[in-house]
Amino acid sequence: MVDLVYGKLLLPVVGAACETSAPEGLGIAESERLAALLKALADPVRLRLFSRIAAATDSVCVCDIQNVGVAQSTVSHHLRKLREAGLIESERRGSWVHYRAVPGGLAGLRTVVDLESQPVS
């Protein structure tokens, strides 16, 4: 059997159920959401932009964060990716766009860290 979504071969479970009790971990939907979040942060430019926005106590103007060593159009692309991932929000003020970190936008990552810190029995 081939999983058409991921292109991986799925093997049927044969025999009795496993006797160990592994933790549930993440569900499919949550793991896909967190993977998208991690993918958004995996780019060095996006990570720099996000860190600047998240460190601010208020929203920041794009004019204050666009000096990250890439073209303005590239900055816009990366900011859009961060917005699509639910990490930042934007608001137009006159001719400038201001950005702020979404409260709790990184909360899902704590789930992964908590899973990592659980002892294995």
PDB file of N, CA and C in Angstrom:
ATOM      1  N   MET A   1       0.854  -1.166   0.000  1.00  0.00           N
ATOM      2  CA  MET A   1       0.000   0.000   0.000  1.00  0.00           C
ATOM      3  C   MET A   1       0.903   1.233   0.000  1.00  0.00           C
ATOM      4  N   VAL A   2       0.579   2.239  -0.811  1.00  0.00           N
ATOM      5  CA  VAL A   2       1.383   3.460  -0.888  1.00  0.00           C
ATOM      6  C   VAL A   2       0.543   4.639  -0.432  1.00  0.00           C
ATOM      7  N   ASP A   3       1.074   5.402   0.477  1.00  0.00           N
ATOM      8  CA  ASP A   3       0.424   6.624   0.937  1.00  0.00           C
ATOM      9  C   ASP A   3       0.658   7.686  -0.129  1.00  0.00           C
ATOM     10  N   LEU A   4      -0.394   8.081  -0.853  1.00  0.00           N
ATOM     11  CA  LEU A   4      -0.240   9.010  -1.966  1.00  0.00           C
ATOM     12  C   LEU A   4       0.105  10.415  -1.508  1.00  0.00           C
ATOM     13  N   VAL A   5      -0.248  10.776  -0.281  1.00  0.00           N
ATOM     14  CA  VAL A   5       0.053  12.122   0.207  1.00  0.00           C
ATOM     15  C   VAL A   5       1.551  12.289   0.417  1.00  0.00           C
ATOM     16  N   TYR A   6       2.181  11.329   1.038  1.00  0.00           N
ATOM     17  CA  TYR A   6       3.598  11.453   1.358  1.00  0.00           C
ATOM     18  C   TYR A   6       4.491  10.562   0.505  1.00  0.00           C
ATOM     19  N   GLY A   7       3.901   9.673  -0.307  1.00  0.00           N
ATOM     20  CA  GLY A   7       4.680   8.811  -1.167  1.00  0.00           C
ATOM     21  C   GLY A   7       5.487   7.763  -0.423  1.00  0.00           C
ATOM     22  N   LYS A   8       5.037   7.399   0.766  1.00  0.00           N
ATOM     23  CA  LYS A   8       5.758   6.411   1.564  1.00  0.00           C
ATOM     24  C   LYS A   8       5.023   5.079   1.515  1.00  0.00           C
ATOM     25  N   LEU A   9       5.775   4.030   1.626  1.00  0.00           N
ATOM     26  CA  LEU A   9       5.202   2.693   1.653  1.00  0.00           C
ATOM     27  C   LEU A   9       4.669   2.419   3.049  1.00  0.00           C
ATOM     28  N   LEU A  10       3.402   2.026   3.154  1.00  0.00           N
ATOM     29  CA  LEU A  10       2.799   1.695   4.436  1.00  0.00           C
ATOM     30  C   LEU A  10       2.737   0.183   4.568  1.00  0.00           C
ATOM     31  N   LEU A  11       3.265  -0.326   5.657  1.00  0.00           N
ATOM     32  CA  LEU A  11       3.254  -1.764   5.887  1.00  0.00           C
ATOM     33  C   LEU A  11       2.136  -2.111   6.859  1.00  0.00           C
ATOM     34  N   PRO A  12       1.367  -3.149   6.579  1.00  0.00           N
ATOM     35  CA  PRO A  12       0.299  -3.538   7.500  1.00  0.00           C
ATOM     36  C   PRO A  12       0.890  -4.113   8.780  1.00  0.00           C
ATOM     37  N   VAL A  13       0.164  -3.922   9.885  1.00  0.00           N
ATOM     38  CA  VAL A  13       0.586  -4.476  11.169  1.00  0.00           C
ATOM     39  C   VAL A  13       0.243  -5.956  11.163  1.00  0.00           C
ATOM     40  N   VAL A  14       1.219  -6.782  11.492  1.00  0.00           N
ATOM     41  CA  VAL A  14       1.028  -8.228  11.482  1.00  0.00           C
ATOM     42  C   VAL A  14       1.179  -8.744  12.903  1.00  0.00           C
ATOM     43  N   GLY A  15       0.297  -9.623  13.318  1.00  0.00           N
ATOM     44  CA  GLY A  15       0.421 -10.252  14.615  1.00  0.00           C
ATOM     45  C   GLY A  15      -0.270  -9.464  15.710  1.00  0.00           C
ATOM     46  N   ALA A  16       0.055  -9.822  16.943  1.00  0.00           N
ATOM     47  CA  ALA A  16      -0.573  -9.221  18.117  1.00  0.00           C
ATOM     48  C   ALA A  16      -0.131  -7.778  18.299  1.00  0.00           C
ATOM     49  N   ALA A  17      -0.930  -7.052  19.031  1.00  0.00           N
ATOM     50  CA  ALA A  17      -0.608  -5.652  19.323  1.00  0.00           C
ATOM     51  C   ALA A  17       0.635  -5.581  20.195  1.00  0.00           C
ATOM     52  N   CYS A  18       1.365  -4.531  20.043  1.00  0.00           N
ATOM     53  CA  CYS A  18       2.582  -4.308  20.813  1.00  0.00           C
ATOM     54  C   CYS A  18       2.237  -4.150  22.288  1.00  0.00           C
ATOM     55  N   GLU A  19       3.071  -4.661  23.167  1.00  0.00           N
ATOM     56  CA  GLU A  19       2.806  -4.637  24.599  1.00  0.00           C
ATOM     57  C   GLU A  19       3.323  -3.379  25.286  1.00  0.00           C
ATOM     58  N   THR A  20       4.173  -2.602  24.641  1.00  0.00           N
ATOM     59  CA  THR A  20       4.705  -1.403  25.294  1.00  0.00           C
ATOM     60  C   THR A  20       3.701  -0.269  25.187  1.00  0.00           C
ATOM     61  N   SER A  21       3.876   0.715  26.049  1.00  0.00           N
ATOM     62  CA  SER A  21       2.954   1.859  26.029  1.00  0.00           C
ATOM     63  C   SER A  21       3.745   3.125  25.728  1.00  0.00           C
ATOM     64  N   ALA A  22       3.866   3.425  24.465  1.00  0.00           N
ATOM     65  CA  ALA A  22       4.556   4.648  24.048  1.00  0.00           C
ATOM     66  C   ALA A  22       3.596   5.820  24.202  1.00  0.00           C
ATOM     67  N   PRO A  23       4.122   7.010  24.523  1.00  0.00           N
ATOM     68  CA  PRO A  23       3.245   8.184  24.625  1.00  0.00           C
ATOM     69  C   PRO A  23       2.582   8.477  23.284  1.00  0.00           C
ATOM     70  N   GLU A  24       1.413   9.078  23.349  1.00  0.00           N
ATOM     71  CA  GLU A  24       0.662   9.410  22.136  1.00  0.00           C
ATOM     72  C   GLU A  24       1.422  10.366  21.235  1.00  0.00           C
ATOM     73  N   GLY A  25       2.061  11.358  21.807  1.00  0.00           N
ATOM     74  CA  GLY A  25       2.746  12.348  20.981  1.00  0.00           C
ATOM     75  C   GLY A  25       1.745  13.242  20.277  1.00  0.00           C
ATOM     76  N   LEU A  26       2.126  13.770  19.160  1.00  0.00           N
ATOM     77  CA  LEU A  26       1.285  14.699  18.410  1.00  0.00           C
ATOM     78  C   LEU A  26       0.351  13.952  17.475  1.00  0.00           C
ATOM     79  N   GLY A  27      -0.830  14.514  17.281  1.00  0.00           N
ATOM     80  CA  GLY A  27      -1.759  13.991  16.292  1.00  0.00           C
ATOM     81  C   GLY A  27      -1.348  14.468  14.906  1.00  0.00           C
ATOM     82  N   ILE A  28      -2.017  13.965  13.897  1.00  0.00           N
ATOM     83  CA  ILE A  28      -1.675  14.307  12.515  1.00  0.00           C
ATOM     84  C   ILE A  28      -1.846  15.796  12.259  1.00  0.00           C
ATOM     85  N   ALA A  29      -3.000  16.349  12.627  1.00  0.00           N
ATOM     86  CA  ALA A  29      -3.267  17.772  12.351  1.00  0.00           C
ATOM     87  C   ALA A  29      -2.280  18.668  13.088  1.00  0.00           C
ATOM     88  N   GLU A  30      -2.032  18.363  14.356  1.00  0.00           N
ATOM     89  CA  GLU A  30      -1.110  19.184  15.148  1.00  0.00           C
ATOM     90  C   GLU A  30       0.313  19.083  14.612  1.00  0.00           C
ATOM     91  N   SER A  31       0.734  17.893  14.212  1.00  0.00           N
ATOM     92  CA  SER A  31       2.095  17.751  13.686  1.00  0.00           C
ATOM     93  C   SER A  31       2.250  18.492  12.359  1.00  0.00           C
ATOM     94  N   GLU A  32       1.209  18.492  11.532  1.00  0.00           N
ATOM     95  CA  GLU A  32       1.276  19.243  10.271  1.00  0.00           C
ATOM     96  C   GLU A  32       1.322  20.743  10.527  1.00  0.00           C
ATOM     97  N   ARG A  33       0.538  21.220  11.508  1.00  0.00           N
ATOM     98  CA  ARG A  33       0.535  22.643  11.847  1.00  0.00           C
ATOM     99  C   ARG A  33       1.893  23.068  12.394  1.00  0.00           C
ATOM    100  N   LEU A  34       2.457  22.259  13.290  1.00  0.00           N
ATOM    101  CA  LEU A  34       3.758  22.599  13.863  1.00  0.00           C
ATOM    102  C   LEU A  34       4.875  22.490  12.834  1.00  0.00           C
ATOM    103  N   ALA A  35       4.770  21.548  11.912  1.00  0.00           N
ATOM    104  CA  ALA A  35       5.776  21.442  10.850  1.00  0.00           C
ATOM    105  C   ALA A  35       5.766  22.695   9.985  1.00  0.00           C
ATOM    106  N   ALA A  36       4.576  23.213   9.693  1.00  0.00           N
ATOM    107  CA  ALA A  36       4.474  24.456   8.912  1.00  0.00           C
ATOM    108  C   ALA A  36       5.073  25.625   9.685  1.00  0.00           C
ATOM    109  N   LEU A  37       4.848  25.659  10.986  1.00  0.00           N
ATOM    110  CA  LEU A  37       5.414  26.705  11.838  1.00  0.00           C
ATOM    111  C   LEU A  37       6.935  26.621  11.842  1.00  0.00           C
ATOM    112  N   LEU A  38       7.459  25.428  12.025  1.00  0.00           N
ATOM    113  CA  LEU A  38       8.913  25.245  12.021  1.00  0.00           C
ATOM    114  C   LEU A  38       9.506  25.554  10.652  1.00  0.00           C
ATOM    115  N   LYS A  39       8.796  25.193   9.597  1.00  0.00           N
ATOM    116  CA  LYS A  39       9.268  25.487   8.244  1.00  0.00           C
ATOM    117  C   LYS A  39       9.358  26.995   8.035  1.00  0.00           C
ATOM    118  N   ALA A  40       8.377  27.725   8.554  1.00  0.00           N
ATOM    119  CA  ALA A  40       8.394  29.187   8.419  1.00  0.00           C
ATOM    120  C   ALA A  40       9.593  29.788   9.139  1.00  0.00           C
ATOM    121  N   LEU A  41       9.980  29.212  10.250  1.00  0.00           N
ATOM    122  CA  LEU A  41      11.107  29.740  11.023  1.00  0.00           C
ATOM    123  C   LEU A  41      12.451  29.173  10.577  1.00  0.00           C
ATOM    124  N   ALA A  42      12.446  28.189   9.695  1.00  0.00           N
ATOM    125  CA  ALA A  42      13.686  27.516   9.298  1.00  0.00           C
ATOM    126  C   ALA A  42      14.553  28.334   8.360  1.00  0.00           C
ATOM    127  N   ASP A  43      14.041  29.412   7.828  1.00  0.00           N
ATOM    128  CA  ASP A  43      14.822  30.271   6.941  1.00  0.00           C
ATOM    129  C   ASP A  43      15.521  31.344   7.777  1.00  0.00           C
ATOM    130  N   PRO A  44      16.825  31.553   7.594  1.00  0.00           N
ATOM    131  CA  PRO A  44      17.556  32.531   8.413  1.00  0.00           C
ATOM    132  C   PRO A  44      17.006  33.955   8.316  1.00  0.00           C
ATOM    133  N   VAL A  45      16.575  34.373   7.142  1.00  0.00           N
ATOM    134  CA  VAL A  45      16.028  35.730   6.999  1.00  0.00           C
ATOM    135  C   VAL A  45      14.710  35.838   7.755  1.00  0.00           C
ATOM    136  N   ARG A  46      13.850  34.828   7.613  1.00  0.00           N
ATOM    137  CA  ARG A  46      12.573  34.865   8.332  1.00  0.00           C
ATOM    138  C   ARG A  46      12.800  34.828   9.835  1.00  0.00           C
ATOM    139  N   LEU A  47      13.766  34.048  10.268  1.00  0.00           N
ATOM    140  CA  LEU A  47      14.058  33.973  11.698  1.00  0.00           C
ATOM    141  C   LEU A  47      14.536  35.325  12.222  1.00  0.00           C
ATOM    142  N   ARG A  48      15.379  36.002  11.457  1.00  0.00           N
ATOM    143  CA  ARG A  48      15.846  37.339  11.863  1.00  0.00           C
ATOM    144  C   ARG A  48      14.691  38.326  11.910  1.00  0.00           C
ATOM    145  N   LEU A  49      13.851  38.312  10.876  1.00  0.00           N
ATOM    146  CA  LEU A  49      12.700  39.214  10.855  1.00  0.00           C
ATOM    147  C   LEU A  49      11.774  38.936  12.032  1.00  0.00           C
ATOM    148  N   PHE A  50      11.477  37.657  12.254  1.00  0.00           N
ATOM    149  CA  PHE A  50      10.577  37.310  13.355  1.00  0.00           C
ATOM    150  C   PHE A  50      11.172  37.714  14.698  1.00  0.00           C
ATOM    151  N   SER A  51      12.466  37.501  14.884  1.00  0.00           N
ATOM    152  CA  SER A  51      13.077  37.851  16.170  1.00  0.00           C
ATOM    153  C   SER A  51      13.007  39.349  16.420  1.00  0.00           C
ATOM    154  N   ARG A  52      13.165  40.145  15.375  1.00  0.00           N
ATOM    155  CA  ARG A  52      13.058  41.604  15.527  1.00  0.00           C
ATOM    156  C   ARG A  52      11.631  42.010  15.877  1.00  0.00           C
ATOM    157  N   ILE A  53      10.674  41.407  15.219  1.00  0.00           N
ATOM    158  CA  ILE A  53       9.272  41.735  15.475  1.00  0.00           C
ATOM    159  C   ILE A  53       8.860  41.268  16.865  1.00  0.00           C
ATOM    160  N   ALA A  54       9.240  40.045  17.227  1.00  0.00           N
ATOM    161  CA  ALA A  54       8.847  39.483  18.519  1.00  0.00           C
ATOM    162  C   ALA A  54       9.504  40.210  19.689  1.00  0.00           C
ATOM    163  N   ALA A  55      10.690  40.774  19.472  1.00  0.00           N
ATOM    164  CA  ALA A  55      11.393  41.475  20.551  1.00  0.00           C
ATOM    165  C   ALA A  55      10.796  42.849  20.837  1.00  0.00           C
ATOM    166  N   ALA A  56      10.020  43.372  19.919  1.00  0.00           N
ATOM    167  CA  ALA A  56       9.440  44.708  20.083  1.00  0.00           C
ATOM    168  C   ALA A  56       8.292  44.674  21.089  1.00  0.00           C
ATOM    169  N   THR A  57       8.173  45.754  21.858  1.00  0.00           N
ATOM    170  CA  THR A  57       7.072  45.844  22.818  1.00  0.00           C
ATOM    171  C   THR A  57       5.782  46.295  22.154  1.00  0.00           C
ATOM    172  N   ASP A  58       5.883  46.875  20.972  1.00  0.00           N
ATOM    173  CA  ASP A  58       4.730  47.327  20.200  1.00  0.00           C
ATOM    174  C   ASP A  58       4.936  46.863  18.759  1.00  0.00           C
ATOM    175  N   SER A  59       4.033  47.221  17.892  1.00  0.00           N
ATOM    176  CA  SER A  59       4.223  46.863  16.488  1.00  0.00           C
ATOM    177  C   SER A  59       5.406  47.642  15.918  1.00  0.00           C
ATOM    178  N   VAL A  60       6.022  47.084  14.888  1.00  0.00           N
ATOM    179  CA  VAL A  60       7.170  47.743  14.261  1.00  0.00           C
ATOM    180  C   VAL A  60       6.871  47.992  12.792  1.00  0.00           C
ATOM    181  N   CYS A  61       7.368  49.110  12.309  1.00  0.00           N
ATOM    182  CA  CYS A  61       7.191  49.474  10.908  1.00  0.00           C
ATOM    183  C   CYS A  61       8.142  48.646  10.052  1.00  0.00           C
ATOM    184  N   VAL A  62       7.666  48.253   8.898  1.00  0.00           N
ATOM    185  CA  VAL A  62       8.511  47.497   7.977  1.00  0.00           C
ATOM    186  C   VAL A  62       9.787  48.270   7.660  1.00  0.00           C
ATOM    187  N   CYS A  63       9.704  49.596   7.675  1.00  0.00           N
ATOM    188  CA  CYS A  63      10.886  50.407   7.377  1.00  0.00           C
ATOM    189  C   CYS A  63      11.987  50.218   8.417  1.00  0.00           C
ATOM    190  N   ASP A  64      11.629  49.754   9.620  1.00  0.00           N
ATOM    191  CA  ASP A  64      12.615  49.549  10.684  1.00  0.00           C
ATOM    192  C   ASP A  64      13.214  48.149  10.698  1.00  0.00           C
ATOM    193  N   ILE A  65      12.640  47.227   9.948  1.00  0.00           N
ATOM    194  CA  ILE A  65      13.129  45.840  10.003  1.00  0.00           C
ATOM    195  C   ILE A  65      13.604  45.313   8.663  1.00  0.00           C
ATOM    196  N   GLN A  66      13.510  46.110   7.606  1.00  0.00           N
ATOM    197  CA  GLN A  66      13.817  45.582   6.275  1.00  0.00           C
ATOM    198  C   GLN A  66      15.303  45.513   5.959  1.00  0.00           C
ATOM    199  N   ASN A  67      16.165  46.016   6.828  1.00  0.00           N
ATOM    200  CA  ASN A  67      17.612  45.975   6.561  1.00  0.00           C
ATOM    201  C   ASN A  67      18.218  44.664   7.079  1.00  0.00           C
ATOM    202  N   VAL A  68      17.886  43.577   6.397  1.00  0.00           N
ATOM    203  CA  VAL A  68      18.402  42.257   6.776  1.00  0.00           C
ATOM    204  C   VAL A  68      19.300  41.671   5.694  1.00  0.00           C
ATOM    205  N   GLY A  69      19.744  42.508   4.776  1.00  0.00           N
ATOM    206  CA  GLY A  69      20.698  42.058   3.771  1.00  0.00           C
ATOM    207  C   GLY A  69      20.098  41.447   2.520  1.00  0.00           C
ATOM    208  N   VAL A  70      18.797  41.612   2.328  1.00  0.00           N
ATOM    209  CA  VAL A  70      18.150  41.118   1.111  1.00  0.00           C
ATOM    210  C   VAL A  70      17.282  42.235   0.542  1.00  0.00           C
ATOM    211  N   ALA A  71      16.834  42.059  -0.692  1.00  0.00           N
ATOM    212  CA  ALA A  71      16.011  43.068  -1.358  1.00  0.00           C
ATOM    213  C   ALA A  71      14.674  43.242  -0.637  1.00  0.00           C
ATOM    214  N   GLN A  72      14.081  44.419  -0.798  1.00  0.00           N
ATOM    215  CA  GLN A  72      12.800  44.725  -0.164  1.00  0.00           C
ATOM    216  C   GLN A  72      11.723  43.737  -0.595  1.00  0.00           C
ATOM    217  N   SER A  73      11.738  43.331  -1.852  1.00  0.00           N
ATOM    218  CA  SER A  73      10.737  42.368  -2.330  1.00  0.00           C
ATOM    219  C   SER A  73      10.901  41.017  -1.629  1.00  0.00           C
ATOM    220  N   THR A  74      12.139  40.658  -1.322  1.00  0.00           N
ATOM    221  CA  THR A  74      12.403  39.407  -0.603  1.00  0.00           C
ATOM    222  C   THR A  74      11.924  39.510   0.836  1.00  0.00           C
ATOM    223  N   VAL A  75      12.127  40.676   1.448  1.00  0.00           N
ATOM    224  CA  VAL A  75      11.617  40.906   2.803  1.00  0.00           C
ATOM    225  C   VAL A  75      10.098  40.744   2.807  1.00  0.00           C
ATOM    226  N   SER A  76       9.421  41.335   1.830  1.00  0.00           N
ATOM    227  CA  SER A  76       7.961  41.217   1.734  1.00  0.00           C
ATOM    228  C   SER A  76       7.534  39.759   1.606  1.00  0.00           C
ATOM    229  N   HIS A  77       8.258  38.997   0.807  1.00  0.00           N
ATOM    230  CA  HIS A  77       7.965  37.572   0.639  1.00  0.00           C
ATOM    231  C   HIS A  77       8.078  36.841   1.979  1.00  0.00           C
ATOM    232  N   HIS A  78       9.162  37.088   2.701  1.00  0.00           N
ATOM    233  CA  HIS A  78       9.375  36.405   3.980  1.00  0.00           C
ATOM    234  C   HIS A  78       8.348  36.831   5.026  1.00  0.00           C
ATOM    235  N   LEU A  79       7.980  38.095   5.036  1.00  0.00           N
ATOM    236  CA  LEU A  79       6.955  38.558   5.972  1.00  0.00           C
ATOM    237  C   LEU A  79       5.610  37.900   5.660  1.00  0.00           C
ATOM    238  N   ARG A  80       5.314  37.708   4.385  1.00  0.00           N
ATOM    239  CA  ARG A  80       4.075  37.023   4.005  1.00  0.00           C
ATOM    240  C   ARG A  80       4.084  35.585   4.510  1.00  0.00           C
ATOM    241  N   LYS A  81       5.219  34.903   4.388  1.00  0.00           N
ATOM    242  CA  LYS A  81       5.326  33.519   4.875  1.00  0.00           C
ATOM    243  C   LYS A  81       5.107  33.458   6.387  1.00  0.00           C
ATOM    244  N   LEU A  82       5.662  34.423   7.122  1.00  0.00           N
ATOM    245  CA  LEU A  82       5.469  34.466   8.572  1.00  0.00           C
ATOM    246  C   LEU A  82       4.005  34.736   8.919  1.00  0.00           C
ATOM    247  N   ARG A  83       3.355  35.598   8.144  1.00  0.00           N
ATOM    248  CA  ARG A  83       1.927  35.877   8.349  1.00  0.00           C
ATOM    249  C   ARG A  83       1.098  34.626   8.085  1.00  0.00           C
ATOM    250  N   GLU A  84       1.386  33.945   6.982  1.00  0.00           N
ATOM    251  CA  GLU A  84       0.639  32.732   6.624  1.00  0.00           C
ATOM    252  C   GLU A  84       0.805  31.635   7.670  1.00  0.00           C
ATOM    253  N   ALA A  85       1.946  31.612   8.343  1.00  0.00           N
ATOM    254  CA  ALA A  85       2.193  30.612   9.384  1.00  0.00           C
ATOM    255  C   ALA A  85       1.528  30.993  10.705  1.00  0.00           C
ATOM    256  N   GLY A  86       0.937  32.187  10.762  1.00  0.00           N
ATOM    257  CA  GLY A  86       0.267  32.619  11.986  1.00  0.00           C
ATOM    258  C   GLY A  86       1.202  33.157  13.046  1.00  0.00           C
ATOM    259  N   LEU A  87       2.414  33.537  12.647  1.00  0.00           N
ATOM    260  CA  LEU A  87       3.392  34.039  13.613  1.00  0.00           C
ATOM    261  C   LEU A  87       3.332  35.549  13.794  1.00  0.00           C
ATOM    262  N   ILE A  88       2.943  36.273  12.750  1.00  0.00           N
ATOM    263  CA  ILE A  88       2.863  37.730  12.836  1.00  0.00           C
ATOM    264  C   ILE A  88       1.545  38.213  12.239  1.00  0.00           C
ATOM    265  N   GLU A  89       1.174  39.433  12.632  1.00  0.00           N
ATOM    266  CA  GLU A  89       0.015  40.114  12.067  1.00  0.00           C
ATOM    267  C   GLU A  89       0.489  41.433  11.493  1.00  0.00           C
ATOM    268  N   SER A  90      -0.244  41.952  10.528  1.00  0.00           N
ATOM    269  CA  SER A  90       0.138  43.227   9.927  1.00  0.00           C
ATOM    270  C   SER A  90      -1.035  44.191   9.942  1.00  0.00           C
ATOM    271  N   GLU A  91      -0.683  45.475   9.923  1.00  0.00           N
ATOM    272  CA  GLU A  91      -1.685  46.536   9.889  1.00  0.00           C
ATOM    273  C   GLU A  91      -1.116  47.682   9.067  1.00  0.00           C
ATOM    274  N   ARG A  92      -1.885  48.144   8.105  1.00  0.00           N
ATOM    275  CA  ARG A  92      -1.440  49.270   7.282  1.00  0.00           C
ATOM    276  C   ARG A  92      -1.736  50.564   8.020  1.00  0.00           C
ATOM    277  N   ARG A  93      -0.708  51.431   8.092  1.00  0.00           N
ATOM    278  CA  ARG A  93      -0.849  52.762   8.687  1.00  0.00           C
ATOM    279  C   ARG A  93      -0.308  53.757   7.674  1.00  0.00           C
ATOM    280  N   GLY A  94      -1.203  54.361   6.956  1.00  0.00           N
ATOM    281  CA  GLY A  94      -0.791  55.263   5.887  1.00  0.00           C
ATOM    282  C   GLY A  94      -0.122  54.474   4.781  1.00  0.00           C
ATOM    283  N   SER A  95       1.093  54.870   4.436  1.00  0.00           N
ATOM    284  CA  SER A  95       1.802  54.164   3.364  1.00  0.00           C
ATOM    285  C   SER A  95       2.712  53.058   3.896  1.00  0.00           C
ATOM    286  N   TRP A  96       2.751  52.863   5.211  1.00  0.00           N
ATOM    287  CA  TRP A  96       3.624  51.848   5.809  1.00  0.00           C
ATOM    288  C   TRP A  96       2.808  50.715   6.416  1.00  0.00           C
ATOM    289  N   VAL A  97       3.420  49.555   6.480  1.00  0.00           N
ATOM    290  CA  VAL A  97       2.801  48.402   7.129  1.00  0.00           C
ATOM    291  C   VAL A  97       3.552  48.149   8.427  1.00  0.00           C
ATOM    292  N   HIS A  98       2.790  47.941   9.497  1.00  0.00           N
ATOM    293  CA  HIS A  98       3.365  47.644  10.806  1.00  0.00           C
ATOM    294  C   HIS A  98       3.079  46.182  11.143  1.00  0.00           C
ATOM    295  N   TYR A  99       4.038  45.553  11.795  1.00  0.00           N
ATOM    296  CA  TYR A  99       3.934  44.136  12.132  1.00  0.00           C
ATOM    297  C   TYR A  99       4.065  43.942  13.631  1.00  0.00           C
ATOM    298  N   ARG A 100       3.398  42.902  14.124  1.00  0.00           N
ATOM    299  CA  ARG A 100       3.571  42.500  15.520  1.00  0.00           C
ATOM    300  C   ARG A 100       3.453  40.985  15.594  1.00  0.00           C
ATOM    301  N   ALA A 101       4.101  40.421  16.599  1.00  0.00           N
ATOM    302  CA  ALA A 101       4.038  38.973  16.798  1.00  0.00           C
ATOM    303  C   ALA A 101       2.651  38.606  17.314  1.00  0.00           C
ATOM    304  N   VAL A 102       2.126  37.505  16.851  1.00  0.00           N
ATOM    305  CA  VAL A 102       0.837  37.014  17.330  1.00  0.00           C
ATOM    306  C   VAL A 102       1.052  36.446  18.728  1.00  0.00           C
ATOM    307  N   PRO A 103       0.294  36.929  19.715  1.00  0.00           N
ATOM    308  CA  PRO A 103       0.436  36.369  21.062  1.00  0.00           C
ATOM    309  C   PRO A 103       0.166  34.862  21.035  1.00  0.00           C
ATOM    310  N   GLY A 104       1.062  34.096  21.596  1.00  0.00           N
ATOM    311  CA  GLY A 104       0.901  32.649  21.620  1.00  0.00           C
ATOM    312  C   GLY A 104       1.230  31.963  20.313  1.00  0.00           C
ATOM    313  N   GLY A 105       1.793  32.691  19.354  1.00  0.00           N
ATOM    314  CA  GLY A 105       2.108  32.101  18.057  1.00  0.00           C
ATOM    315  C   GLY A 105       3.099  30.954  18.131  1.00  0.00           C
ATOM    316  N   LEU A 106       3.951  30.990  19.136  1.00  0.00           N
ATOM    317  CA  LEU A 106       4.943  29.923  19.306  1.00  0.00           C
ATOM    318  C   LEU A 106       4.521  28.891  20.351  1.00  0.00           C
ATOM    319  N   ALA A 107       3.320  29.031  20.890  1.00  0.00           N
ATOM    320  CA  ALA A 107       2.878  28.140  21.966  1.00  0.00           C
ATOM    321  C   ALA A 107       2.921  26.672  21.558  1.00  0.00           C
ATOM    322  N   GLY A 108       2.605  26.365  20.326  1.00  0.00           N
ATOM    323  CA  GLY A 108       2.623  24.978  19.879  1.00  0.00           C
ATOM    324  C   GLY A 108       3.990  24.338  19.965  1.00  0.00           C
ATOM    325  N   LEU A 109       5.032  25.159  19.861  1.00  0.00           N
ATOM    326  CA  LEU A 109       6.386  24.609  19.951  1.00  0.00           C
ATOM    327  C   LEU A 109       6.674  24.078  21.348  1.00  0.00           C
ATOM    328  N   ARG A 110       6.006  24.644  22.341  1.00  0.00           N
ATOM    329  CA  ARG A 110       6.189  24.144  23.710  1.00  0.00           C
ATOM    330  C   ARG A 110       5.732  22.694  23.813  1.00  0.00           C
ATOM    331  N   THR A 111       4.730  22.331  23.040  1.00  0.00           N
ATOM    332  CA  THR A 111       4.254  20.952  23.026  1.00  0.00           C
ATOM    333  C   THR A 111       5.375  20.013  22.610  1.00  0.00           C
ATOM    334  N   VAL A 112       6.101  20.385  21.578  1.00  0.00           N
ATOM    335  CA  VAL A 112       7.207  19.550  21.100  1.00  0.00           C
ATOM    336  C   VAL A 112       8.303  19.485  22.151  1.00  0.00           C
ATOM    337  N   VAL A 113       8.625  20.603  22.764  1.00  0.00           N
ATOM    338  CA  VAL A 113       9.658  20.638  23.800  1.00  0.00           C
ATOM    339  C   VAL A 113       9.223  19.802  24.993  1.00  0.00           C
ATOM    340  N   ASP A 114       7.944  19.899  25.380  1.00  0.00           N
ATOM    341  CA  ASP A 114       7.443  19.098  26.492  1.00  0.00           C
ATOM    342  C   ASP A 114       7.519  17.611  26.178  1.00  0.00           C
ATOM    343  N   LEU A 115       7.238  17.233  24.929  1.00  0.00           N
ATOM    344  CA  LEU A 115       7.359  15.828  24.550  1.00  0.00           C
ATOM    345  C   LEU A 115       8.800  15.361  24.682  1.00  0.00           C
ATOM    346  N   GLU A 116       9.732  16.240  24.315  1.00  0.00           N
ATOM    347  CA  GLU A 116      11.154  15.905  24.390  1.00  0.00           C
ATOM    348  C   GLU A 116      11.594  15.699  25.834  1.00  0.00           C
ATOM    349  N   SER A 117      11.006  16.452  26.765  1.00  0.00           N
ATOM    350  CA  SER A 117      11.468  16.391  28.149  1.00  0.00           C
ATOM    351  C   SER A 117      10.807  15.283  28.957  1.00  0.00           C
ATOM    352  N   GLN A 118       9.839  14.569  28.380  1.00  0.00           N
ATOM    353  CA  GLN A 118       9.187  13.491  29.107  1.00  0.00           C
ATOM    354  C   GLN A 118      10.122  12.291  29.209  1.00  0.00           C
ATOM    355  N   PRO A 119      10.210  11.713  30.409  1.00  0.00           N
ATOM    356  CA  PRO A 119      11.078  10.537  30.556  1.00  0.00           C
ATOM    357  C   PRO A 119      10.518   9.341  29.797  1.00  0.00           C
ATOM    358  N   VAL A 120      11.402   8.544  29.279  1.00  0.00           N
ATOM    359  CA  VAL A 120      11.013   7.320  28.580  1.00  0.00           C
ATOM    360  C   VAL A 120      10.943   6.206  29.604  1.00  0.00           C
ATOM    361  N   SER A 121       9.815   5.492  29.633  1.00  0.00           N
ATOM    362  CA  SER A 121       9.673   4.421  30.629  1.00  0.00           C
ATOM    363  C   SER A 121       9.964   3.071  30.044  1.00  0.00           C
TER     364      SER A 121
END
